[in-house]
Amino acid sequence: MSGVHAPWTAPPALPERITIREVGPRDGLQPEEPWPAVWRAALAESLIRAGATTIEVAAFVSPKAVPSMADPAAVVRKVRDVLDPVDDPVTVVALVPNVRGAEMAAEARVDALTLTVSASEAYSRRNVRMSVDESLAQVAAIRAAIGDDLPVDTVVSCAFGSPYEGDIAPAAAAEIGRRALDGGSTSLTYADTTGMATPRRVADLLAETGTDVGLHLHDTRGTALVNAFAAMQLGVRRFDTAVGGLGGSPFAAGAGGNLATEDLVHLCDDLGIATGIDLTALLAISAQLAEVLGHPVPSRVAAAGPRSRLHPE
């Protein structure tokens, strides 16, 4: 019967370790007032010292379109200057929209690229001013321009629904991912850009895509953490998060921030799932962020403290 779903149950298995791609310096800061490149690099460096080993530090986009991401090459250089290739095995990632951005990122010596392709035609035209087909063509063009030296992760935005078109069929989102792989992407991440996902919808998408994918979850409706937990039970091992829970798409009214890194690390610590990130150090960074930004960060753990924190009587 249309609209009726069988009860959803997840297998009890949980991973020993997950990989977190910290996107705070890019996605987290993108909707905020512009920071100087040196400040953004300092944030990335502090997150690396807290244990982040994969970090999206910049976006090679037009500074006129996204003023908060100006001087991306300077951010990458400053991060590179403090990294030891042996003692700091960190993957430095940048978002690129097109071939020119990819070439600039490669010249700046990033380790990997991310590229956004939307599952929603209307959102794609508002976000990158290209159709979905035109965005997918950029995947092949970027691969042809940079060769095989850099991995390219295609992030399929609005994978669980569009603010303009409503629900997106899981098969349709999965097909966008398959076309990106055919074009030369080395991996895929599916993004809940507007926070429309639920555990059932996560399961529905993973049934189409398999679990060798990343998830980029937003907390618009308070479901990001439970969606991550459900995905871990189903076999997903890669997640995008932002320190403080910062971020949110300017092209989707009311869209909430990213799943907070400290919220996911706090949960994983209690479940015995390794992330490699020190929660105490992360919370100190989050507190400093709130002071610099001049407003509280959305993270629940940043607000309440870890469950181990005792209050004086």
C-alpha atoms as a PDB file:
ATOM      1  CA  MET A   1       0.000   0.000   0.000  1.00  0.00           C
ATOM      2  CA  SER A   2       1.372   3.395  -0.966  1.00  0.00           C
ATOM      3  CA  GLY A   3       2.847   5.334   1.955  1.00  0.00           C
ATOM      4  CA  VAL A   4       3.010   2.295   4.285  1.00  0.00           C
ATOM      5  CA  HIS A   5       6.454   1.135   5.387  1.00  0.00           C
ATOM      6  CA  ALA A   6       7.536  -1.961   7.227  1.00  0.00           C
ATOM      7  CA  PRO A   7       8.907  -1.323  10.734  1.00  0.00           C
ATOM      8  CA  TRP A   8      12.559  -0.334  10.552  1.00  0.00           C
ATOM      9  CA  THR A   9      15.040  -2.283  12.660  1.00  0.00           C
ATOM     10  CA  ALA A  10      18.798  -1.855  12.629  1.00  0.00           C
ATOM     11  CA  PRO A  11      21.339  -4.589  13.243  1.00  0.00           C
ATOM     12  CA  PRO A  12      23.054  -4.266  16.614  1.00  0.00           C
ATOM     13  CA  ALA A  13      26.602  -4.128  15.243  1.00  0.00           C
ATOM     14  CA  LEU A  14      28.589  -0.933  15.811  1.00  0.00           C
ATOM     15  CA  PRO A  15      31.993  -0.095  14.313  1.00  0.00           C
ATOM     16  CA  GLU A  16      35.249  -0.065  16.229  1.00  0.00           C
ATOM     17  CA  ARG A  17      36.227   3.195  14.512  1.00  0.00           C
ATOM     18  CA  ILE A  18      34.735   5.863  12.265  1.00  0.00           C
ATOM     19  CA  THR A  19      36.354   8.550  10.136  1.00  0.00           C
ATOM     20  CA  ILE A  20      35.287  12.133  10.696  1.00  0.00           C
ATOM     21  CA  ARG A  21      35.894  14.782   8.044  1.00  0.00           C
ATOM     22  CA  GLU A  22      35.912  18.051   9.957  1.00  0.00           C
ATOM     23  CA  VAL A  23      34.266  20.740   7.803  1.00  0.00           C
ATOM     24  CA  GLY A  24      34.077  23.562  10.333  1.00  0.00           C
ATOM     25  CA  PRO A  25      36.724  25.826   8.748  1.00  0.00           C
ATOM     26  CA  ARG A  26      34.838  25.683   5.439  1.00  0.00           C
ATOM     27  CA  ASP A  27      31.182  24.706   5.729  1.00  0.00           C
ATOM     28  CA  GLY A  28      30.925  25.876   9.317  1.00  0.00           C
ATOM     29  CA  LEU A  29      32.288  29.360   8.703  1.00  0.00           C
ATOM     30  CA  GLN A  30      30.786  29.894   5.257  1.00  0.00           C
ATOM     31  CA  PRO A  31      27.548  31.553   6.493  1.00  0.00           C
ATOM     32  CA  GLU A  32      29.340  33.597   9.182  1.00  0.00           C
ATOM     33  CA  GLU A  33      30.844  37.062   8.849  1.00  0.00           C
ATOM     34  CA  PRO A  34      34.175  36.760   6.970  1.00  0.00           C
ATOM     35  CA  TRP A  35      37.249  35.797   8.952  1.00  0.00           C
ATOM     36  CA  PRO A  36      40.812  36.607   7.822  1.00  0.00           C
ATOM     37  CA  ALA A  37      42.655  33.699   6.251  1.00  0.00           C
ATOM     38  CA  VAL A  38      45.039  33.524   9.198  1.00  0.00           C
ATOM     39  CA  TRP A  39      42.120  33.028  11.620  1.00  0.00           C
ATOM     40  CA  ARG A  40      40.600  30.255   9.508  1.00  0.00           C
ATOM     41  CA  ALA A  41      43.985  28.546   9.277  1.00  0.00           C
ATOM     42  CA  ALA A  42      44.418  28.836  13.051  1.00  0.00           C
ATOM     43  CA  LEU A  43      41.040  27.166  13.576  1.00  0.00           C
ATOM     44  CA  ALA A  44      42.078  24.324  11.263  1.00  0.00           C
ATOM     45  CA  GLU A  45      45.385  23.950  13.077  1.00  0.00           C
ATOM     46  CA  SER A  46      43.694  23.759  16.481  1.00  0.00           C
ATOM     47  CA  LEU A  47      41.311  21.082  15.198  1.00  0.00           C
ATOM     48  CA  ILE A  48      44.237  19.099  13.842  1.00  0.00           C
ATOM     49  CA  ARG A  49      45.945  19.302  17.232  1.00  0.00           C
ATOM     50  CA  ALA A  50      42.715  17.990  18.766  1.00  0.00           C
ATOM     51  CA  GLY A  51      43.013  14.922  16.556  1.00  0.00           C
ATOM     52  CA  ALA A  52      41.225  15.731  13.291  1.00  0.00           C
ATOM     53  CA  THR A  53      43.021  13.874  10.501  1.00  0.00           C
ATOM     54  CA  THR A  54      40.768  14.837   7.583  1.00  0.00           C
ATOM     55  CA  ILE A  55      39.781  18.491   7.441  1.00  0.00           C
ATOM     56  CA  GLU A  56      38.097  20.665   4.830  1.00  0.00           C
ATOM     57  CA  VAL A  57      39.864  23.997   5.230  1.00  0.00           C
ATOM     58  CA  ALA A  58      38.790  26.142   2.276  1.00  0.00           C
ATOM     59  CA  ALA A  59      36.584  26.628  -0.766  1.00  0.00           C
ATOM     60  CA  PHE A  60      38.097  27.780  -4.037  1.00  0.00           C
ATOM     61  CA  VAL A  61      35.064  29.802  -5.044  1.00  0.00           C
ATOM     62  CA  SER A  62      34.507  33.395  -6.128  1.00  0.00           C
ATOM     63  CA  PRO A  63      35.078  35.746  -3.159  1.00  0.00           C
ATOM     64  CA  LYS A  64      32.332  37.949  -4.590  1.00  0.00           C
ATOM     65  CA  ALA A  65      29.855  35.097  -4.301  1.00  0.00           C
ATOM     66  CA  VAL A  66      31.161  33.797  -0.952  1.00  0.00           C
ATOM     67  CA  PRO A  67      33.132  36.534   0.864  1.00  0.00           C
ATOM     68  CA  SER A  68      33.754  34.321   3.887  1.00  0.00           C
ATOM     69  CA  MET A  69      35.878  31.979   1.763  1.00  0.00           C
ATOM     70  CA  ALA A  70      38.257  34.606   0.338  1.00  0.00           C
ATOM     71  CA  ASP A  71      41.993  33.804   0.058  1.00  0.00           C
ATOM     72  CA  PRO A  72      41.642  30.004   0.133  1.00  0.00           C
ATOM     73  CA  ALA A  73      45.206  29.423  -1.068  1.00  0.00           C
ATOM     74  CA  ALA A  74      46.518  31.450   1.877  1.00  0.00           C
ATOM     75  CA  VAL A  75      44.541  29.264   4.283  1.00  0.00           C
ATOM     76  CA  VAL A  76      45.947  26.089   2.740  1.00  0.00           C
ATOM     77  CA  ARG A  77      49.519  27.437   2.788  1.00  0.00           C
ATOM     78  CA  LYS A  78      49.297  28.445   6.447  1.00  0.00           C
ATOM     79  CA  VAL A  79      47.959  25.037   7.414  1.00  0.00           C
ATOM     80  CA  ARG A  80      50.646  23.326   5.363  1.00  0.00           C
ATOM     81  CA  ASP A  81      53.370  25.404   7.029  1.00  0.00           C
ATOM     82  CA  VAL A  82      52.636  23.915  10.454  1.00  0.00           C
ATOM     83  CA  LEU A  83      52.172  20.299   9.367  1.00  0.00           C
ATOM     84  CA  ASP A  84      54.929  17.723   9.547  1.00  0.00           C
ATOM     85  CA  PRO A  85      54.387  15.129   6.786  1.00  0.00           C
ATOM     86  CA  VAL A  86      55.436  12.321   9.141  1.00  0.00           C
ATOM     87  CA  ASP A  87      54.111  13.411  12.525  1.00  0.00           C
ATOM     88  CA  ASP A  88      50.937  14.990  11.118  1.00  0.00           C
ATOM     89  CA  PRO A  89      49.379  12.547   8.625  1.00  0.00           C
ATOM     90  CA  VAL A  90      46.532  14.937   7.862  1.00  0.00           C
ATOM     91  CA  THR A  91      44.410  15.054   4.707  1.00  0.00           C
ATOM     92  CA  VAL A  92      43.848  18.704   3.757  1.00  0.00           C
ATOM     93  CA  VAL A  93      40.658  19.055   1.715  1.00  0.00           C
ATOM     94  CA  ALA A  94      39.169  21.908  -0.304  1.00  0.00           C
ATOM     95  CA  LEU A  95      35.785  22.380  -1.921  1.00  0.00           C
ATOM     96  CA  VAL A  96      35.836  23.324  -5.614  1.00  0.00           C
ATOM     97  CA  PRO A  97      32.956  24.204  -7.954  1.00  0.00           C
ATOM     98  CA  ASN A  98      34.676  23.835 -11.322  1.00  0.00           C
ATOM     99  CA  VAL A  99      37.909  23.191 -13.219  1.00  0.00           C
ATOM    100  CA  ARG A 100      39.467  26.547 -12.385  1.00  0.00           C
ATOM    101  CA  GLY A 101      38.814  26.033  -8.693  1.00  0.00           C
ATOM    102  CA  ALA A 102      40.287  22.522  -8.870  1.00  0.00           C
ATOM    103  CA  GLU A 103      43.415  23.793 -10.614  1.00  0.00           C
ATOM    104  CA  MET A 104      43.892  26.510  -8.000  1.00  0.00           C
ATOM    105  CA  ALA A 105      43.401  24.002  -5.177  1.00  0.00           C
ATOM    106  CA  ALA A 106      45.923  21.627  -6.734  1.00  0.00           C
ATOM    107  CA  GLU A 107      48.435  24.470  -7.048  1.00  0.00           C
ATOM    108  CA  ALA A 108      47.916  25.221  -3.347  1.00  0.00           C
ATOM    109  CA  ARG A 109      48.827  21.576  -2.579  1.00  0.00           C
ATOM    110  CA  VAL A 110      45.641  20.207  -1.092  1.00  0.00           C
ATOM    111  CA  ASP A 111      45.418  16.453  -0.616  1.00  0.00           C
ATOM    112  CA  ALA A 112      41.847  15.960  -1.800  1.00  0.00           C
ATOM    113  CA  LEU A 113      38.916  17.761  -3.370  1.00  0.00           C
ATOM    114  CA  THR A 114      35.216  17.865  -2.674  1.00  0.00           C
ATOM    115  CA  LEU A 115      32.643  18.847  -5.295  1.00  0.00           C
ATOM    116  CA  THR A 116      28.931  19.372  -4.719  1.00  0.00           C
ATOM    117  CA  VAL A 117      26.305  18.017  -7.095  1.00  0.00           C
ATOM    118  CA  SER A 118      22.680  18.367  -6.088  1.00  0.00           C
ATOM    119  CA  ALA A 119      19.956  15.766  -6.320  1.00  0.00           C
ATOM    120  CA  SER A 120      17.556  18.702  -6.658  1.00  0.00           C
ATOM    121  CA  GLU A 121      17.403  20.591  -9.941  1.00  0.00           C
ATOM    122  CA  ALA A 122      15.999  23.758  -8.366  1.00  0.00           C
ATOM    123  CA  TYR A 123      18.531  23.786  -5.546  1.00  0.00           C
ATOM    124  CA  SER A 124      21.392  23.197  -7.995  1.00  0.00           C
ATOM    125  CA  ARG A 125      20.458  26.232 -10.036  1.00  0.00           C
ATOM    126  CA  ARG A 126      20.279  28.431  -6.937  1.00  0.00           C
ATOM    127  CA  ASN A 127      23.401  27.053  -5.265  1.00  0.00           C
ATOM    128  CA  VAL A 128      25.903  26.739  -8.141  1.00  0.00           C
ATOM    129  CA  ARG A 129      23.917  28.313 -10.984  1.00  0.00           C
ATOM    130  CA  MET A 130      24.164  25.134 -13.011  1.00  0.00           C
ATOM    131  CA  SER A 131      21.771  22.349 -13.849  1.00  0.00           C
ATOM    132  CA  VAL A 132      22.369  18.932 -12.322  1.00  0.00           C
ATOM    133  CA  ASP A 133      23.694  17.680 -15.665  1.00  0.00           C
ATOM    134  CA  GLU A 134      26.060  20.658 -15.911  1.00  0.00           C
ATOM    135  CA  SER A 135      27.327  20.003 -12.382  1.00  0.00           C
ATOM    136  CA  LEU A 136      27.928  16.353 -13.164  1.00  0.00           C
ATOM    137  CA  ALA A 137      29.860  17.381 -16.264  1.00  0.00           C
ATOM    138  CA  GLN A 138      32.233  19.276 -13.965  1.00  0.00           C
ATOM    139  CA  VAL A 139      33.237  15.995 -12.340  1.00  0.00           C
ATOM    140  CA  ALA A 140      34.632  14.623 -15.588  1.00  0.00           C
ATOM    141  CA  ALA A 141      36.134  17.972 -16.543  1.00  0.00           C
ATOM    142  CA  ILE A 142      37.938  18.254 -13.204  1.00  0.00           C
ATOM    143  CA  ARG A 143      39.254  14.711 -13.458  1.00  0.00           C
ATOM    144  CA  ALA A 144      40.548  15.422 -16.951  1.00  0.00           C
ATOM    145  CA  ALA A 145      42.203  18.647 -15.791  1.00  0.00           C
ATOM    146  CA  ILE A 146      43.967  17.364 -12.669  1.00  0.00           C
ATOM    147  CA  GLY A 147      44.615  13.772 -13.696  1.00  0.00           C
ATOM    148  CA  ASP A 148      44.635  10.985 -11.146  1.00  0.00           C
ATOM    149  CA  ASP A 149      46.772  12.719  -8.526  1.00  0.00           C
ATOM    150  CA  LEU A 150      43.980  13.930  -6.243  1.00  0.00           C
ATOM    151  CA  PRO A 151      40.977  12.025  -4.931  1.00  0.00           C
ATOM    152  CA  VAL A 152      37.644  13.709  -5.622  1.00  0.00           C
ATOM    153  CA  ASP A 153      34.701  13.166  -3.305  1.00  0.00           C
ATOM    154  CA  THR A 154      31.377  14.183  -4.797  1.00  0.00           C
ATOM    155  CA  VAL A 155      28.905  15.398  -2.190  1.00  0.00           C
ATOM    156  CA  VAL A 156      25.332  14.796  -3.355  1.00  0.00           C
ATOM    157  CA  SER A 157      23.370  17.588  -1.712  1.00  0.00           C
ATOM    158  CA  CYS A 158      19.625  17.434  -0.974  1.00  0.00           C
ATOM    159  CA  ALA A 159      19.941  13.648  -1.035  1.00  0.00           C
ATOM    160  CA  PHE A 160      17.002  13.291   1.369  1.00  0.00           C
ATOM    161  CA  GLY A 161      14.845  16.130   0.110  1.00  0.00           C
ATOM    162  CA  SER A 162      14.780  19.586  -1.420  1.00  0.00           C
ATOM    163  CA  PRO A 163      13.300  22.783   0.003  1.00  0.00           C
ATOM    164  CA  TYR A 164      11.901  23.446  -3.477  1.00  0.00           C
ATOM    165  CA  GLU A 165      10.762  20.004  -4.645  1.00  0.00           C
ATOM    166  CA  GLY A 166      10.071  18.052  -1.475  1.00  0.00           C
ATOM    167  CA  ASP A 167      11.194  14.457  -1.016  1.00  0.00           C
ATOM    168  CA  ILE A 168      13.870  13.076  -3.327  1.00  0.00           C
ATOM    169  CA  ALA A 169      13.488   9.406  -4.226  1.00  0.00           C
ATOM    170  CA  PRO A 170      16.407   7.369  -2.869  1.00  0.00           C
ATOM    171  CA  ALA A 171      16.929   5.758  -6.267  1.00  0.00           C
ATOM    172  CA  ALA A 172      17.206   9.201  -7.880  1.00  0.00           C
ATOM    173  CA  ALA A 173      19.812  10.368  -5.356  1.00  0.00           C
ATOM    174  CA  ALA A 174      21.740   7.129  -5.790  1.00  0.00           C
ATOM    175  CA  GLU A 175      21.714   7.557  -9.568  1.00  0.00           C
ATOM    176  CA  ILE A 176      23.343  10.991  -9.224  1.00  0.00           C
ATOM    177  CA  GLY A 177      26.095   9.315  -7.206  1.00  0.00           C
ATOM    178  CA  ARG A 178      26.593   6.582  -9.777  1.00  0.00           C
ATOM    179  CA  ARG A 179      26.930   9.166 -12.524  1.00  0.00           C
ATOM    180  CA  ALA A 180      29.514  11.047 -10.456  1.00  0.00           C
ATOM    181  CA  LEU A 181      31.550   7.859 -10.050  1.00  0.00           C
ATOM    182  CA  ASP A 182      31.302   7.243 -13.791  1.00  0.00           C
ATOM    183  CA  GLY A 183      32.637  10.776 -14.318  1.00  0.00           C
ATOM    184  CA  GLY A 184      35.742  10.173 -12.233  1.00  0.00           C
ATOM    185  CA  SER A 185      34.825  10.691  -8.589  1.00  0.00           C
ATOM    186  CA  THR A 186      36.711   8.414  -6.228  1.00  0.00           C
ATOM    187  CA  SER A 187      34.118   8.467  -3.434  1.00  0.00           C
ATOM    188  CA  LEU A 188      30.656   9.732  -2.568  1.00  0.00           C
ATOM    189  CA  THR A 189      29.077  11.560   0.340  1.00  0.00           C
ATOM    190  CA  TYR A 190      25.315  12.030   0.602  1.00  0.00           C
ATOM    191  CA  ALA A 191      24.209  15.260   2.268  1.00  0.00           C
ATOM    192  CA  ASP A 192      21.057  15.979   4.231  1.00  0.00           C
ATOM    193  CA  THR A 193      21.324  19.647   3.279  1.00  0.00           C
ATOM    194  CA  THR A 194      18.035  20.743   4.822  1.00  0.00           C
ATOM    195  CA  GLY A 195      17.721  18.261   7.675  1.00  0.00           C
ATOM    196  CA  MET A 196      14.914  16.218   6.139  1.00  0.00           C
ATOM    197  CA  ALA A 197      16.422  12.809   6.897  1.00  0.00           C
ATOM    198  CA  THR A 198      15.184  10.353   9.520  1.00  0.00           C
ATOM    199  CA  PRO A 199      16.642   6.921  10.372  1.00  0.00           C
ATOM    200  CA  ARG A 200      14.110   5.253   8.097  1.00  0.00           C
ATOM    201  CA  ARG A 201      15.036   7.514   5.206  1.00  0.00           C
ATOM    202  CA  VAL A 202      18.733   6.926   5.875  1.00  0.00           C
ATOM    203  CA  ALA A 203      18.073   3.196   5.623  1.00  0.00           C
ATOM    204  CA  ASP A 204      16.081   3.680   2.413  1.00  0.00           C
ATOM    205  CA  LEU A 205      18.941   5.584   0.772  1.00  0.00           C
ATOM    206  CA  LEU A 206      21.639   3.148   1.934  1.00  0.00           C
ATOM    207  CA  ALA A 207      19.600   0.293   0.492  1.00  0.00           C
ATOM    208  CA  GLU A 208      20.185   1.950  -2.900  1.00  0.00           C
ATOM    209  CA  THR A 209      23.762   3.197  -2.438  1.00  0.00           C
ATOM    210  CA  GLY A 210      25.375   0.598  -0.201  1.00  0.00           C
ATOM    211  CA  THR A 211      27.255   1.633   2.922  1.00  0.00           C
ATOM    212  CA  ASP A 212      30.647   2.521   1.410  1.00  0.00           C
ATOM    213  CA  VAL A 213      29.629   6.182   1.384  1.00  0.00           C
ATOM    214  CA  GLY A 214      29.961   9.192   3.639  1.00  0.00           C
ATOM    215  CA  LEU A 215      27.096  11.111   5.220  1.00  0.00           C
ATOM    216  CA  HIS A 216      26.958  14.883   5.668  1.00  0.00           C
ATOM    217  CA  LEU A 217      24.148  15.527   8.143  1.00  0.00           C
ATOM    218  CA  HIS A 218      22.467  18.764   9.195  1.00  0.00           C
ATOM    219  CA  ASP A 219      20.504  19.222  12.400  1.00  0.00           C
ATOM    220  CA  THR A 220      17.633  21.399  11.210  1.00  0.00           C
ATOM    221  CA  ARG A 221      15.031  19.166  12.856  1.00  0.00           C
ATOM    222  CA  GLY A 222      17.191  17.710  15.614  1.00  0.00           C
ATOM    223  CA  THR A 223      17.770  14.364  13.884  1.00  0.00           C
ATOM    224  CA  ALA A 224      21.429  14.577  12.811  1.00  0.00           C
ATOM    225  CA  LEU A 225      22.862  12.555  15.704  1.00  0.00           C
ATOM    226  CA  VAL A 226      20.201   9.849  15.621  1.00  0.00           C
ATOM    227  CA  ASN A 227      20.663   9.599  11.848  1.00  0.00           C
ATOM    228  CA  ALA A 228      24.416   9.135  12.335  1.00  0.00           C
ATOM    229  CA  PHE A 229      23.795   6.438  14.954  1.00  0.00           C
ATOM    230  CA  ALA A 230      21.389   4.632  12.634  1.00  0.00           C
ATOM    231  CA  ALA A 231      23.881   4.858   9.775  1.00  0.00           C
ATOM    232  CA  MET A 232      26.689   3.441  11.940  1.00  0.00           C
ATOM    233  CA  GLN A 233      24.498   0.467  12.816  1.00  0.00           C
ATOM    234  CA  LEU A 234      23.892  -0.102   9.114  1.00  0.00           C
ATOM    235  CA  GLY A 235      27.600   0.002   8.225  1.00  0.00           C
ATOM    236  CA  VAL A 236      28.507   3.620   7.355  1.00  0.00           C
ATOM    237  CA  ARG A 237      31.961   4.584   8.621  1.00  0.00           C
ATOM    238  CA  ARG A 238      32.509   8.123   7.247  1.00  0.00           C
ATOM    239  CA  PHE A 239      30.827  11.286   8.493  1.00  0.00           C
ATOM    240  CA  ASP A 240      31.181  15.028   7.896  1.00  0.00           C
ATOM    241  CA  THR A 241      30.829  17.182  11.015  1.00  0.00           C
ATOM    242  CA  ALA A 242      31.556  20.784  11.994  1.00  0.00           C
ATOM    243  CA  VAL A 243      32.931  21.958  15.316  1.00  0.00           C
ATOM    244  CA  GLY A 244      30.203  23.716  17.297  1.00  0.00           C
ATOM    245  CA  GLY A 245      27.530  22.498  14.884  1.00  0.00           C
ATOM    246  CA  LEU A 246      28.131  25.564  12.723  1.00  0.00           C
ATOM    247  CA  GLY A 247      27.060  25.951   9.104  1.00  0.00           C
ATOM    248  CA  GLY A 248      23.861  25.841   7.121  1.00  0.00           C
ATOM    249  CA  SER A 249      22.961  26.479   3.519  1.00  0.00           C
ATOM    250  CA  PRO A 250      22.120  30.077   2.551  1.00  0.00           C
ATOM    251  CA  PHE A 251      19.998  28.676  -0.300  1.00  0.00           C
ATOM    252  CA  ALA A 252      17.584  26.794   1.977  1.00  0.00           C
ATOM    253  CA  ALA A 253      15.562  28.976   4.328  1.00  0.00           C
ATOM    254  CA  GLY A 254      15.727  27.746   7.918  1.00  0.00           C
ATOM    255  CA  ALA A 255      18.419  25.154   7.265  1.00  0.00           C
ATOM    256  CA  GLY A 256      20.249  24.247  10.461  1.00  0.00           C
ATOM    257  CA  GLY A 257      23.946  23.742  11.044  1.00  0.00           C
ATOM    258  CA  ASN A 258      26.035  20.630  10.587  1.00  0.00           C
ATOM    259  CA  LEU A 259      26.087  17.723  12.970  1.00  0.00           C
ATOM    260  CA  ALA A 260      28.398  19.034  15.692  1.00  0.00           C
ATOM    261  CA  THR A 261      31.744  17.276  15.877  1.00  0.00           C
ATOM    262  CA  GLU A 262      31.688  17.308  19.681  1.00  0.00           C
ATOM    263  CA  ASP A 263      28.193  15.790  19.777  1.00  0.00           C
ATOM    264  CA  LEU A 264      29.244  12.848  17.596  1.00  0.00           C
ATOM    265  CA  VAL A 265      32.586  12.374  19.391  1.00  0.00           C
ATOM    266  CA  HIS A 266      30.819  12.489  22.776  1.00  0.00           C
ATOM    267  CA  LEU A 267      28.422   9.735  21.675  1.00  0.00           C
ATOM    268  CA  CYS A 268      31.185   7.630  20.139  1.00  0.00           C
ATOM    269  CA  ASP A 269      33.364   7.919  23.233  1.00  0.00           C
ATOM    270  CA  ASP A 270      30.555   6.482  25.344  1.00  0.00           C
ATOM    271  CA  LEU A 271      29.917   3.680  22.835  1.00  0.00           C
ATOM    272  CA  GLY A 272      33.591   2.733  22.596  1.00  0.00           C
ATOM    273  CA  ILE A 273      33.857   3.831  18.959  1.00  0.00           C
ATOM    274  CA  ALA A 274      37.226   5.407  18.204  1.00  0.00           C
ATOM    275  CA  THR A 275      37.364   8.749  16.374  1.00  0.00           C
ATOM    276  CA  GLY A 276      40.898   9.857  17.218  1.00  0.00           C
ATOM    277  CA  ILE A 277      39.577  13.257  18.369  1.00  0.00           C
ATOM    278  CA  ASP A 278      40.037  14.493  21.931  1.00  0.00           C
ATOM    279  CA  LEU A 279      36.699  15.716  23.286  1.00  0.00           C
ATOM    280  CA  THR A 280      38.182  18.009  25.928  1.00  0.00           C
ATOM    281  CA  ALA A 281      40.332  19.804  23.364  1.00  0.00           C
ATOM    282  CA  LEU A 282      37.388  19.993  20.982  1.00  0.00           C
ATOM    283  CA  LEU A 283      35.134  21.589  23.569  1.00  0.00           C
ATOM    284  CA  ALA A 284      37.794  24.193  24.332  1.00  0.00           C
ATOM    285  CA  ILE A 285      37.894  25.106  20.632  1.00  0.00           C
ATOM    286  CA  SER A 286      34.104  25.267  20.506  1.00  0.00           C
ATOM    287  CA  ALA A 287      34.024  27.621  23.495  1.00  0.00           C
ATOM    288  CA  GLN A 288      36.583  29.909  21.865  1.00  0.00           C
ATOM    289  CA  LEU A 289      34.547  29.882  18.668  1.00  0.00           C
ATOM    290  CA  ALA A 290      31.449  31.086  20.489  1.00  0.00           C
ATOM    291  CA  GLU A 291      33.434  33.971  21.978  1.00  0.00           C
ATOM    292  CA  VAL A 292      34.911  35.048  18.644  1.00  0.00           C
ATOM    293  CA  LEU A 293      31.618  34.702  16.773  1.00  0.00           C
ATOM    294  CA  GLY A 294      29.703  36.564  19.460  1.00  0.00           C
ATOM    295  CA  HIS A 295      26.903  33.999  19.675  1.00  0.00           C
ATOM    296  CA  PRO A 296      26.420  30.507  21.149  1.00  0.00           C
ATOM    297  CA  VAL A 297      27.213  27.539  18.943  1.00  0.00           C
ATOM    298  CA  PRO A 298      24.373  25.073  18.284  1.00  0.00           C
ATOM    299  CA  SER A 299      26.151  22.026  19.755  1.00  0.00           C
ATOM    300  CA  ARG A 300      24.254  20.426  22.641  1.00  0.00           C
ATOM    301  CA  VAL A 301      27.400  19.087  24.282  1.00  0.00           C
ATOM    302  CA  ALA A 302      29.056  22.492  24.020  1.00  0.00           C
ATOM    303  CA  ALA A 303      26.087  23.967  25.894  1.00  0.00           C
ATOM    304  CA  ALA A 304      25.578  21.266  28.532  1.00  0.00           C
ATOM    305  CA  GLY A 305      29.069  19.844  28.818  1.00  0.00           C
ATOM    306  CA  PRO A 306      29.938  16.160  28.570  1.00  0.00           C
ATOM    307  CA  ARG A 307      27.874  13.693  30.594  1.00  0.00           C
ATOM    308  CA  SER A 308      30.862  13.253  32.926  1.00  0.00           C
ATOM    309  CA  ARG A 309      30.840  16.906  33.983  1.00  0.00           C
ATOM    310  CA  LEU A 310      29.768  17.402  37.583  1.00  0.00           C
ATOM    311  CA  HIS A 311      28.057  20.541  38.822  1.00  0.00           C
ATOM    312  CA  PRO A 312      28.827  21.945  42.246  1.00  0.00           C
ATOM    313  CA  GLU A 313      26.097  21.490  44.821  1.00  0.00           C
END
